[in-house]
Amino acid sequence: MRINKNAKKKRNLWKGNYDLYLFLLPAVIVIFLFSYLPVYGILLAFKEYSVSKGILGSAWVGGKHFMRFFSSTYFPLLMRNTLMLSLYSLAVGFPFPILLALLLNSIRAKRFKKTVQLVTYAPNFISTVVMCGMILLFLSPRAGMLNKILEAFGRESVNFMAKASYFPHIYVWTGVWQNAGWNSVIYFAALSGISPELHEAAMIDGASRYRRILHIDLPGILPTAVVLLILNMGNLMSVGYEKVYLLQNNTNIATSEVIATYVYKMGIVNNDISFSTAVGLFNSLVNLILLVTVNWVSGKVSENSLW
């Protein structure tokens, strides 16, 4: 009897909100086509793919491609570069939007505040290709703005893109410049949800602006920051392929070759589809493990987690 009542309740819920489900349908179809349907291609990682035989008809080789990757001389280099760029980007790029949001939230002059927001948001709308072109132009050893400044102070010009040791710094700090302003938007939303009465009470008690940031603003945005940190850890191994590839050259490849660019070269350039799929699957599995682990630790420590 209870089962019938529950079924009737669900039918009534569907009938009363069918228009909302219709709005949801296009998103469900897109997610299914581009996120779930391609999962079928994971089989390529365990087969010796042949175009004439297809995915199901190709010979099964098990973990051969994974072992080939793990025993490759490129494996230590790829892991080191990928982790170095990812951790460096996380260490620098994660706190900057928080600091920017806190600083702008403290500004009283609305016109100046809006101007700074506009200037910091603008780089986010520059495409990756254009951004890389700007970086190469600014750092050019002949006509680059930075080298012109160095020459004005009597220093010799430097070919920054030819030095492997400079690549991580160029990649990370240009990323901070491009994304910090836009990433701070979500922290502005969290700060706007903090009750003004808390600040008024703190001001009556004589709390300085620094104390109010430390004891009101930071705790207020902490749950948001924790969730974003968990999501960032889930993408730790997924270094931006386009930017790395466009800035990469033969002289800086010692620090710029990452798993994403290696997968592209092996899969598209060398046409080794099965091997590149195995490498990409390994990368995704590491991201999944990191996401689940960090989410579990966060739930235990701070009681803030995705699930």
C-alpha atoms as a PDB file:
ATOM      1  CA  MET A   1       0.000   0.000   0.000  1.00  0.00           C
ATOM      2  CA  ARG A   2       2.850   2.346   0.909  1.00  0.00           C
ATOM      3  CA  ILE A   3       4.618   1.490  -2.377  1.00  0.00           C
ATOM      4  CA  ASN A   4       1.519   2.470  -4.355  1.00  0.00           C
ATOM      5  CA  LYS A   5       1.275   5.762  -2.477  1.00  0.00           C
ATOM      6  CA  ASN A   6       4.938   6.542  -3.188  1.00  0.00           C
ATOM      7  CA  ALA A   7       4.518   5.695  -6.873  1.00  0.00           C
ATOM      8  CA  LYS A   8       1.414   7.894  -7.085  1.00  0.00           C
ATOM      9  CA  LYS A   9       3.265  10.717  -5.352  1.00  0.00           C
ATOM     10  CA  LYS A  10       6.131  10.476  -7.850  1.00  0.00           C
ATOM     11  CA  ARG A  11       3.706  10.510 -10.799  1.00  0.00           C
ATOM     12  CA  ASN A  12       1.985  13.595  -9.440  1.00  0.00           C
ATOM     13  CA  LEU A  13       5.379  15.246  -8.933  1.00  0.00           C
ATOM     14  CA  TRP A  14       6.302  14.490 -12.540  1.00  0.00           C
ATOM     15  CA  LYS A  15       2.987  15.787 -13.897  1.00  0.00           C
ATOM     16  CA  GLY A  16       3.182  18.951 -11.840  1.00  0.00           C
ATOM     17  CA  ASN A  17       6.766  19.771 -12.924  1.00  0.00           C
ATOM     18  CA  TYR A  18       7.032  18.273 -16.402  1.00  0.00           C
ATOM     19  CA  ASP A  19       7.935  21.661 -17.895  1.00  0.00           C
ATOM     20  CA  LEU A  20      10.984  21.895 -15.595  1.00  0.00           C
ATOM     21  CA  TYR A  21      12.119  18.440 -16.656  1.00  0.00           C
ATOM     22  CA  LEU A  22      11.805  19.492 -20.304  1.00  0.00           C
ATOM     23  CA  PHE A  23      14.156  22.403 -19.599  1.00  0.00           C
ATOM     24  CA  LEU A  24      16.580  19.902 -18.086  1.00  0.00           C
ATOM     25  CA  LEU A  25      16.398  17.498 -21.033  1.00  0.00           C
ATOM     26  CA  PRO A  26      18.856  19.305 -23.410  1.00  0.00           C
ATOM     27  CA  ALA A  27      21.539  19.401 -20.693  1.00  0.00           C
ATOM     28  CA  VAL A  28      21.021  15.694 -19.941  1.00  0.00           C
ATOM     29  CA  ILE A  29      21.353  14.834 -23.643  1.00  0.00           C
ATOM     30  CA  VAL A  30      24.554  16.894 -24.014  1.00  0.00           C
ATOM     31  CA  ILE A  31      26.114  15.337 -20.900  1.00  0.00           C
ATOM     32  CA  PHE A  32      25.204  11.844 -22.095  1.00  0.00           C
ATOM     33  CA  LEU A  33      26.618  12.408 -25.596  1.00  0.00           C
ATOM     34  CA  PHE A  34      29.863  14.101 -24.597  1.00  0.00           C
ATOM     35  CA  SER A  35      30.571  12.724 -21.096  1.00  0.00           C
ATOM     36  CA  TYR A  36      29.113   9.226 -20.829  1.00  0.00           C
ATOM     37  CA  LEU A  37      28.984   7.884 -24.392  1.00  0.00           C
ATOM     38  CA  PRO A  38      32.741   8.404 -25.005  1.00  0.00           C
ATOM     39  CA  VAL A  39      33.513   6.204 -21.958  1.00  0.00           C
ATOM     40  CA  TYR A  40      33.105   3.306 -24.387  1.00  0.00           C
ATOM     41  CA  GLY A  41      36.450   4.366 -25.904  1.00  0.00           C
ATOM     42  CA  ILE A  42      38.283   3.342 -22.709  1.00  0.00           C
ATOM     43  CA  LEU A  43      38.453  -0.132 -24.260  1.00  0.00           C
ATOM     44  CA  LEU A  44      41.152   1.226 -26.582  1.00  0.00           C
ATOM     45  CA  ALA A  45      43.571   1.356 -23.648  1.00  0.00           C
ATOM     46  CA  PHE A  46      43.410  -2.431 -23.325  1.00  0.00           C
ATOM     47  CA  LYS A  47      43.546  -3.284 -27.037  1.00  0.00           C
ATOM     48  CA  GLU A  48      45.930  -3.007 -29.983  1.00  0.00           C
ATOM     49  CA  TYR A  49      43.655  -0.793 -31.999  1.00  0.00           C
ATOM     50  CA  SER A  50      43.290  -1.372 -35.713  1.00  0.00           C
ATOM     51  CA  VAL A  51      41.114   0.898 -37.845  1.00  0.00           C
ATOM     52  CA  SER A  52      40.079  -1.971 -40.120  1.00  0.00           C
ATOM     53  CA  LYS A  53      38.991  -4.198 -37.216  1.00  0.00           C
ATOM     54  CA  GLY A  54      37.371  -1.521 -35.072  1.00  0.00           C
ATOM     55  CA  ILE A  55      37.364  -1.283 -31.297  1.00  0.00           C
ATOM     56  CA  LEU A  56      35.633  -4.603 -30.578  1.00  0.00           C
ATOM     57  CA  GLY A  57      37.515  -6.503 -33.275  1.00  0.00           C
ATOM     58  CA  SER A  58      40.998  -5.326 -32.244  1.00  0.00           C
ATOM     59  CA  ALA A  59      43.247  -7.704 -30.305  1.00  0.00           C
ATOM     60  CA  TRP A  60      43.036  -7.587 -26.504  1.00  0.00           C
ATOM     61  CA  VAL A  61      46.437  -6.840 -24.885  1.00  0.00           C
ATOM     62  CA  GLY A  62      45.439  -6.137 -21.283  1.00  0.00           C
ATOM     63  CA  GLY A  63      47.820  -3.830 -19.426  1.00  0.00           C
ATOM     64  CA  LYS A  64      50.551  -3.869 -22.067  1.00  0.00           C
ATOM     65  CA  HIS A  65      50.274  -0.156 -22.854  1.00  0.00           C
ATOM     66  CA  PHE A  66      50.270   0.813 -19.175  1.00  0.00           C
ATOM     67  CA  MET A  67      53.429  -1.185 -18.535  1.00  0.00           C
ATOM     68  CA  ARG A  68      55.002   0.358 -21.615  1.00  0.00           C
ATOM     69  CA  PHE A  69      54.277   3.824 -20.233  1.00  0.00           C
ATOM     70  CA  PHE A  70      55.500   3.049 -16.706  1.00  0.00           C
ATOM     71  CA  SER A  71      58.757   1.557 -18.021  1.00  0.00           C
ATOM     72  CA  SER A  72      59.315   4.383 -20.505  1.00  0.00           C
ATOM     73  CA  THR A  73      62.173   6.830 -19.967  1.00  0.00           C
ATOM     74  CA  TYR A  74      59.605   9.622 -20.396  1.00  0.00           C
ATOM     75  CA  PHE A  75      57.534   8.545 -17.385  1.00  0.00           C
ATOM     76  CA  PRO A  76      59.650  10.227 -14.624  1.00  0.00           C
ATOM     77  CA  LEU A  77      60.011  13.394 -16.721  1.00  0.00           C
ATOM     78  CA  LEU A  78      56.292  13.632 -17.481  1.00  0.00           C
ATOM     79  CA  MET A  79      55.257  13.014 -13.885  1.00  0.00           C
ATOM     80  CA  ARG A  80      57.778  15.534 -12.554  1.00  0.00           C
ATOM     81  CA  ASN A  81      56.802  18.278 -15.009  1.00  0.00           C
ATOM     82  CA  THR A  82      53.056  17.681 -14.637  1.00  0.00           C
ATOM     83  CA  LEU A  83      53.181  17.704 -10.838  1.00  0.00           C
ATOM     84  CA  MET A  84      55.567  20.661 -10.746  1.00  0.00           C
ATOM     85  CA  LEU A  85      53.361  22.851 -12.952  1.00  0.00           C
ATOM     86  CA  SER A  86      50.159  21.702 -11.220  1.00  0.00           C
ATOM     87  CA  LEU A  87      51.366  22.198  -7.646  1.00  0.00           C
ATOM     88  CA  TYR A  88      53.063  25.481  -8.525  1.00  0.00           C
ATOM     89  CA  SER A  89      49.857  26.737 -10.182  1.00  0.00           C
ATOM     90  CA  LEU A  90      47.778  25.606  -7.204  1.00  0.00           C
ATOM     91  CA  ALA A  91      50.119  27.146  -4.612  1.00  0.00           C
ATOM     92  CA  VAL A  92      50.194  30.504  -6.379  1.00  0.00           C
ATOM     93  CA  GLY A  93      46.912  30.625  -8.276  1.00  0.00           C
ATOM     94  CA  PHE A  94      44.572  29.425  -5.515  1.00  0.00           C
ATOM     95  CA  PRO A  95      45.191  32.099  -2.821  1.00  0.00           C
ATOM     96  CA  PHE A  96      45.457  35.050  -5.243  1.00  0.00           C
ATOM     97  CA  PRO A  97      41.702  35.277  -6.042  1.00  0.00           C
ATOM     98  CA  ILE A  98      40.965  35.119  -2.298  1.00  0.00           C
ATOM     99  CA  LEU A  99      43.398  37.951  -1.545  1.00  0.00           C
ATOM    100  CA  LEU A 100      42.060  39.996  -4.459  1.00  0.00           C
ATOM    101  CA  ALA A 101      38.458  39.532  -3.321  1.00  0.00           C
ATOM    102  CA  LEU A 102      39.319  40.508   0.259  1.00  0.00           C
ATOM    103  CA  LEU A 103      41.247  43.592  -0.840  1.00  0.00           C
ATOM    104  CA  LEU A 104      38.574  44.807  -3.248  1.00  0.00           C
ATOM    105  CA  ASN A 105      35.882  44.131  -0.675  1.00  0.00           C
ATOM    106  CA  SER A 106      37.699  46.531   1.662  1.00  0.00           C
ATOM    107  CA  ILE A 107      37.748  49.385  -0.869  1.00  0.00           C
ATOM    108  CA  ARG A 108      35.164  52.068  -0.147  1.00  0.00           C
ATOM    109  CA  ALA A 109      35.533  54.108  -3.370  1.00  0.00           C
ATOM    110  CA  LYS A 110      33.040  52.418  -5.697  1.00  0.00           C
ATOM    111  CA  ARG A 111      34.369  53.922  -8.923  1.00  0.00           C
ATOM    112  CA  PHE A 112      37.944  52.841  -8.188  1.00  0.00           C
ATOM    113  CA  LYS A 113      36.696  49.414  -7.087  1.00  0.00           C
ATOM    114  CA  LYS A 114      34.791  48.876 -10.343  1.00  0.00           C
ATOM    115  CA  THR A 115      37.776  50.024 -12.383  1.00  0.00           C
ATOM    116  CA  VAL A 116      40.085  47.539 -10.661  1.00  0.00           C
ATOM    117  CA  GLN A 117      37.529  44.773 -11.129  1.00  0.00           C
ATOM    118  CA  LEU A 118      37.239  45.546 -14.844  1.00  0.00           C
ATOM    119  CA  VAL A 119      41.021  45.565 -15.289  1.00  0.00           C
ATOM    120  CA  THR A 120      41.462  42.268 -13.438  1.00  0.00           C
ATOM    121  CA  TYR A 121      38.509  40.548 -15.176  1.00  0.00           C
ATOM    122  CA  ALA A 122      39.507  41.559 -18.723  1.00  0.00           C
ATOM    123  CA  PRO A 123      42.417  39.102 -19.270  1.00  0.00           C
ATOM    124  CA  ASN A 124      40.059  36.160 -18.696  1.00  0.00           C
ATOM    125  CA  PHE A 125      38.273  36.950 -21.976  1.00  0.00           C
ATOM    126  CA  ILE A 126      41.465  36.683 -24.022  1.00  0.00           C
ATOM    127  CA  SER A 127      41.654  33.330 -25.815  1.00  0.00           C
ATOM    128  CA  THR A 128      44.529  30.969 -25.061  1.00  0.00           C
ATOM    129  CA  VAL A 129      45.988  31.334 -28.564  1.00  0.00           C
ATOM    130  CA  VAL A 130      45.981  35.131 -28.360  1.00  0.00           C
ATOM    131  CA  MET A 131      47.358  35.020 -24.826  1.00  0.00           C
ATOM    132  CA  CYS A 132      50.284  32.814 -25.902  1.00  0.00           C
ATOM    133  CA  GLY A 133      50.960  35.129 -28.836  1.00  0.00           C
ATOM    134  CA  MET A 134      51.100  38.083 -26.425  1.00  0.00           C
ATOM    135  CA  ILE A 135      53.457  36.207 -24.092  1.00  0.00           C
ATOM    136  CA  LEU A 136      55.830  35.328 -26.948  1.00  0.00           C
ATOM    137  CA  LEU A 137      55.728  38.928 -28.160  1.00  0.00           C
ATOM    138  CA  PHE A 138      56.365  40.458 -24.725  1.00  0.00           C
ATOM    139  CA  LEU A 139      59.255  38.052 -24.049  1.00  0.00           C
ATOM    140  CA  SER A 140      60.814  38.246 -27.512  1.00  0.00           C
ATOM    141  CA  PRO A 141      64.623  38.668 -27.281  1.00  0.00           C
ATOM    142  CA  ARG A 142      64.594  41.330 -30.015  1.00  0.00           C
ATOM    143  CA  ALA A 143      61.388  43.358 -29.752  1.00  0.00           C
ATOM    144  CA  GLY A 144      59.971  42.156 -26.429  1.00  0.00           C
ATOM    145  CA  MET A 145      58.847  44.808 -23.960  1.00  0.00           C
ATOM    146  CA  LEU A 146      60.589  43.097 -21.038  1.00  0.00           C
ATOM    147  CA  ASN A 147      63.901  42.927 -22.869  1.00  0.00           C
ATOM    148  CA  LYS A 148      63.578  46.571 -23.900  1.00  0.00           C
ATOM    149  CA  ILE A 149      63.277  47.442 -20.213  1.00  0.00           C
ATOM    150  CA  LEU A 150      66.343  45.333 -19.401  1.00  0.00           C
ATOM    151  CA  GLU A 151      68.330  47.030 -22.173  1.00  0.00           C
ATOM    152  CA  ALA A 152      67.276  50.456 -20.854  1.00  0.00           C
ATOM    153  CA  PHE A 153      68.953  49.548 -17.554  1.00  0.00           C
ATOM    154  CA  GLY A 154      72.104  48.377 -19.331  1.00  0.00           C
ATOM    155  CA  ARG A 155      71.337  44.656 -19.128  1.00  0.00           C
ATOM    156  CA  GLU A 156      71.626  42.173 -21.989  1.00  0.00           C
ATOM    157  CA  SER A 157      68.465  40.827 -23.575  1.00  0.00           C
ATOM    158  CA  VAL A 158      67.358  37.340 -22.493  1.00  0.00           C
ATOM    159  CA  ASN A 159      65.646  34.702 -24.600  1.00  0.00           C
ATOM    160  CA  PHE A 160      63.211  33.687 -21.874  1.00  0.00           C
ATOM    161  CA  MET A 161      61.411  31.046 -23.917  1.00  0.00           C
ATOM    162  CA  ALA A 162      64.690  29.286 -24.701  1.00  0.00           C
ATOM    163  CA  LYS A 163      65.524  28.681 -21.039  1.00  0.00           C
ATOM    164  CA  ALA A 164      63.834  25.606 -19.587  1.00  0.00           C
ATOM    165  CA  SER A 165      64.169  26.896 -16.016  1.00  0.00           C
ATOM    166  CA  TYR A 166      61.996  29.948 -16.845  1.00  0.00           C
ATOM    167  CA  PHE A 167      59.091  28.030 -18.375  1.00  0.00           C
ATOM    168  CA  PRO A 168      57.270  27.055 -15.114  1.00  0.00           C
ATOM    169  CA  HIS A 169      57.385  30.664 -13.878  1.00  0.00           C
ATOM    170  CA  ILE A 170      56.130  32.033 -17.202  1.00  0.00           C
ATOM    171  CA  TYR A 171      53.319  29.476 -17.361  1.00  0.00           C
ATOM    172  CA  VAL A 172      52.139  29.964 -13.768  1.00  0.00           C
ATOM    173  CA  TRP A 173      52.365  33.740 -13.367  1.00  0.00           C
ATOM    174  CA  THR A 174      50.760  34.527 -16.713  1.00  0.00           C
ATOM    175  CA  GLY A 175      47.980  32.161 -15.633  1.00  0.00           C
ATOM    176  CA  VAL A 176      47.552  34.099 -12.400  1.00  0.00           C
ATOM    177  CA  TRP A 177      47.361  37.362 -14.342  1.00  0.00           C
ATOM    178  CA  GLN A 178      44.757  35.938 -16.708  1.00  0.00           C
ATOM    179  CA  ASN A 179      42.514  34.090 -14.252  1.00  0.00           C
ATOM    180  CA  ALA A 180      42.822  35.647 -10.774  1.00  0.00           C
ATOM    181  CA  GLY A 181      40.272  38.394 -11.398  1.00  0.00           C
ATOM    182  CA  TRP A 182      37.618  36.113 -12.821  1.00  0.00           C
ATOM    183  CA  ASN A 183      38.174  33.423 -10.179  1.00  0.00           C
ATOM    184  CA  SER A 184      37.634  36.015  -7.456  1.00  0.00           C
ATOM    185  CA  VAL A 185      33.991  36.482  -8.512  1.00  0.00           C
ATOM    186  CA  ILE A 186      32.799  33.480  -6.526  1.00  0.00           C
ATOM    187  CA  TYR A 187      34.539  34.799  -3.404  1.00  0.00           C
ATOM    188  CA  PHE A 188      32.811  38.153  -3.881  1.00  0.00           C
ATOM    189  CA  ALA A 189      29.520  36.272  -3.875  1.00  0.00           C
ATOM    190  CA  ALA A 190      30.498  34.509  -0.645  1.00  0.00           C
ATOM    191  CA  LEU A 191      31.564  37.793   0.961  1.00  0.00           C
ATOM    192  CA  SER A 192      28.262  39.428   0.014  1.00  0.00           C
ATOM    193  CA  GLY A 193      26.480  36.708   1.990  1.00  0.00           C
ATOM    194  CA  ILE A 194      28.186  37.699   5.251  1.00  0.00           C
ATOM    195  CA  SER A 195      25.855  39.672   7.503  1.00  0.00           C
ATOM    196  CA  PRO A 196      26.837  43.358   7.825  1.00  0.00           C
ATOM    197  CA  GLU A 197      25.726  43.179  11.449  1.00  0.00           C
ATOM    198  CA  LEU A 198      28.809  41.103  12.241  1.00  0.00           C
ATOM    199  CA  HIS A 199      31.073  43.872  10.960  1.00  0.00           C
ATOM    200  CA  GLU A 200      29.042  46.542  12.773  1.00  0.00           C
ATOM    201  CA  ALA A 201      29.311  44.656  16.063  1.00  0.00           C
ATOM    202  CA  ALA A 202      33.051  44.145  15.557  1.00  0.00           C
ATOM    203  CA  MET A 203      33.543  47.857  14.802  1.00  0.00           C
ATOM    204  CA  ILE A 204      31.673  48.797  17.981  1.00  0.00           C
ATOM    205  CA  ASP A 205      34.027  46.516  19.909  1.00  0.00           C
ATOM    206  CA  GLY A 206      36.981  48.357  18.335  1.00  0.00           C
ATOM    207  CA  ALA A 207      38.108  45.640  15.904  1.00  0.00           C
ATOM    208  CA  SER A 208      40.446  46.877  13.173  1.00  0.00           C
ATOM    209  CA  ARG A 209      39.858  46.132   9.479  1.00  0.00           C
ATOM    210  CA  TYR A 210      42.556  43.453   9.623  1.00  0.00           C
ATOM    211  CA  ARG A 211      40.831  41.772  12.582  1.00  0.00           C
ATOM    212  CA  ARG A 212      37.482  41.823  10.815  1.00  0.00           C
ATOM    213  CA  ILE A 213      38.998  40.218   7.728  1.00  0.00           C
ATOM    214  CA  LEU A 214      40.707  37.599   9.864  1.00  0.00           C
ATOM    215  CA  HIS A 215      37.763  36.703  12.101  1.00  0.00           C
ATOM    216  CA  ILE A 216      34.700  37.462   9.928  1.00  0.00           C
ATOM    217  CA  ASP A 217      35.519  37.484   6.194  1.00  0.00           C
ATOM    218  CA  LEU A 218      37.913  34.526   6.097  1.00  0.00           C
ATOM    219  CA  PRO A 219      35.670  32.167   8.133  1.00  0.00           C
ATOM    220  CA  GLY A 220      32.746  33.302   5.965  1.00  0.00           C
ATOM    221  CA  ILE A 221      34.389  32.248   2.694  1.00  0.00           C
ATOM    222  CA  LEU A 222      36.197  29.199   4.110  1.00  0.00           C
ATOM    223  CA  PRO A 223      33.527  26.634   3.049  1.00  0.00           C
ATOM    224  CA  THR A 224      33.604  28.016  -0.511  1.00  0.00           C
ATOM    225  CA  ALA A 225      37.405  27.955  -0.572  1.00  0.00           C
ATOM    226  CA  VAL A 226      37.484  24.349   0.669  1.00  0.00           C
ATOM    227  CA  VAL A 227      35.065  23.173  -2.036  1.00  0.00           C
ATOM    228  CA  LEU A 228      37.075  24.945  -4.753  1.00  0.00           C
ATOM    229  CA  LEU A 229      40.297  23.481  -3.376  1.00  0.00           C
ATOM    230  CA  ILE A 230      38.811  19.974  -3.579  1.00  0.00           C
ATOM    231  CA  LEU A 231      37.756  20.577  -7.185  1.00  0.00           C
ATOM    232  CA  ASN A 232      41.214  21.924  -8.040  1.00  0.00           C
ATOM    233  CA  MET A 233      42.849  18.855  -6.514  1.00  0.00           C
ATOM    234  CA  GLY A 234      40.625  16.723  -8.737  1.00  0.00           C
ATOM    235  CA  ASN A 235      42.229  18.411 -11.746  1.00  0.00           C
ATOM    236  CA  LEU A 236      45.758  18.421 -10.366  1.00  0.00           C
ATOM    237  CA  MET A 237      47.173  16.252 -13.164  1.00  0.00           C
ATOM    238  CA  SER A 238      45.246  18.048 -15.902  1.00  0.00           C
ATOM    239  CA  VAL A 239      47.670  20.808 -16.824  1.00  0.00           C
ATOM    240  CA  GLY A 240      46.262  23.120 -19.495  1.00  0.00           C
ATOM    241  CA  TYR A 241      47.281  21.390 -22.725  1.00  0.00           C
ATOM    242  CA  GLU A 242      46.714  24.283 -25.155  1.00  0.00           C
ATOM    243  CA  LYS A 243      48.854  26.850 -23.362  1.00  0.00           C
ATOM    244  CA  VAL A 244      51.702  24.430 -22.655  1.00  0.00           C
ATOM    245  CA  TYR A 245      51.759  23.194 -26.246  1.00  0.00           C
ATOM    246  CA  LEU A 246      51.702  26.700 -27.738  1.00  0.00           C
ATOM    247  CA  LEU A 247      54.551  27.915 -25.507  1.00  0.00           C
ATOM    248  CA  GLN A 248      56.588  24.737 -25.917  1.00  0.00           C
ATOM    249  CA  ASN A 249      59.718  24.533 -28.075  1.00  0.00           C
ATOM    250  CA  ASN A 250      62.737  22.253 -28.395  1.00  0.00           C
ATOM    251  CA  THR A 251      64.814  24.308 -25.957  1.00  0.00           C
ATOM    252  CA  ASN A 252      62.352  24.317 -23.042  1.00  0.00           C
ATOM    253  CA  ILE A 253      60.853  20.863 -23.548  1.00  0.00           C
ATOM    254  CA  ALA A 254      62.763  19.538 -20.508  1.00  0.00           C
ATOM    255  CA  THR A 255      60.290  21.367 -18.244  1.00  0.00           C
ATOM    256  CA  SER A 256      57.332  21.878 -20.598  1.00  0.00           C
ATOM    257  CA  GLU A 257      56.579  18.315 -21.698  1.00  0.00           C
ATOM    258  CA  VAL A 258      53.585  17.155 -19.636  1.00  0.00           C
ATOM    259  CA  ILE A 259      51.225  14.189 -19.844  1.00  0.00           C
ATOM    260  CA  ALA A 260      48.627  16.132 -21.855  1.00  0.00           C
ATOM    261  CA  THR A 261      51.088  17.155 -24.596  1.00  0.00           C
ATOM    262  CA  TYR A 262      52.592  13.658 -24.616  1.00  0.00           C
ATOM    263  CA  VAL A 263      49.144  12.116 -25.156  1.00  0.00           C
ATOM    264  CA  TYR A 264      48.542  14.479 -28.090  1.00  0.00           C
ATOM    265  CA  LYS A 265      51.866  13.699 -29.726  1.00  0.00           C
ATOM    266  CA  MET A 266      51.541   9.940 -29.310  1.00  0.00           C
ATOM    267  CA  GLY A 267      47.877   9.760 -30.284  1.00  0.00           C
ATOM    268  CA  ILE A 268      47.506  12.346 -33.048  1.00  0.00           C
ATOM    269  CA  VAL A 269      51.024  12.867 -34.383  1.00  0.00           C
ATOM    270  CA  ASN A 270      52.337   9.287 -34.050  1.00  0.00           C
ATOM    271  CA  ASN A 271      48.900   7.667 -34.501  1.00  0.00           C
ATOM    272  CA  ASP A 272      49.435   5.372 -31.491  1.00  0.00           C
ATOM    273  CA  ILE A 273      45.805   5.535 -30.382  1.00  0.00           C
ATOM    274  CA  SER A 274      45.790   2.687 -27.864  1.00  0.00           C
ATOM    275  CA  PHE A 275      48.922   3.825 -26.055  1.00  0.00           C
ATOM    276  CA  SER A 276      47.768   7.462 -25.812  1.00  0.00           C
ATOM    277  CA  THR A 277      44.380   6.288 -24.492  1.00  0.00           C
ATOM    278  CA  ALA A 278      46.126   4.260 -21.784  1.00  0.00           C
ATOM    279  CA  VAL A 279      48.224   7.260 -20.742  1.00  0.00           C
ATOM    280  CA  GLY A 280      45.156   9.504 -20.672  1.00  0.00           C
ATOM    281  CA  LEU A 281      43.220   6.914 -18.630  1.00  0.00           C
ATOM    282  CA  PHE A 282      46.058   6.722 -16.109  1.00  0.00           C
ATOM    283  CA  ASN A 283      45.991  10.502 -15.798  1.00  0.00           C
ATOM    284  CA  SER A 284      42.228  10.502 -15.197  1.00  0.00           C
ATOM    285  CA  LEU A 285      42.455   7.741 -12.597  1.00  0.00           C
ATOM    286  CA  VAL A 286      45.078   9.675 -10.632  1.00  0.00           C
ATOM    287  CA  ASN A 287      42.807  12.742 -10.693  1.00  0.00           C
ATOM    288  CA  LEU A 288      39.877  10.639  -9.464  1.00  0.00           C
ATOM    289  CA  ILE A 289      41.908   9.171  -6.603  1.00  0.00           C
ATOM    290  CA  LEU A 290      43.123  12.635  -5.576  1.00  0.00           C
ATOM    291  CA  LEU A 291      39.586  14.029  -5.683  1.00  0.00           C
ATOM    292  CA  VAL A 292      38.125  11.249  -3.530  1.00  0.00           C
ATOM    293  CA  THR A 293      41.039  11.350  -1.068  1.00  0.00           C
ATOM    294  CA  VAL A 294      41.061  15.130  -0.587  1.00  0.00           C
ATOM    295  CA  ASN A 295      37.265  15.182  -0.303  1.00  0.00           C
ATOM    296  CA  TRP A 296      37.394  12.492   2.412  1.00  0.00           C
ATOM    297  CA  VAL A 297      40.162  14.281   4.340  1.00  0.00           C
ATOM    298  CA  SER A 298      38.306  17.597   4.089  1.00  0.00           C
ATOM    299  CA  GLY A 299      35.114  16.007   5.384  1.00  0.00           C
ATOM    300  CA  LYS A 300      36.951  14.586   8.367  1.00  0.00           C
ATOM    301  CA  VAL A 301      38.942  17.710   9.193  1.00  0.00           C
ATOM    302  CA  SER A 302      36.633  20.616   8.392  1.00  0.00           C
ATOM    303  CA  GLU A 303      33.243  18.953   7.766  1.00  0.00           C
ATOM    304  CA  ASN A 304      33.165  20.645   4.355  1.00  0.00           C
ATOM    305  CA  SER A 305      33.091  18.283   1.378  1.00  0.00           C
ATOM    306  CA  LEU A 306      31.430  17.667  -1.965  1.00  0.00           C
ATOM    307  CA  TRP A 307      29.560  14.605  -0.705  1.00  0.00           C
END
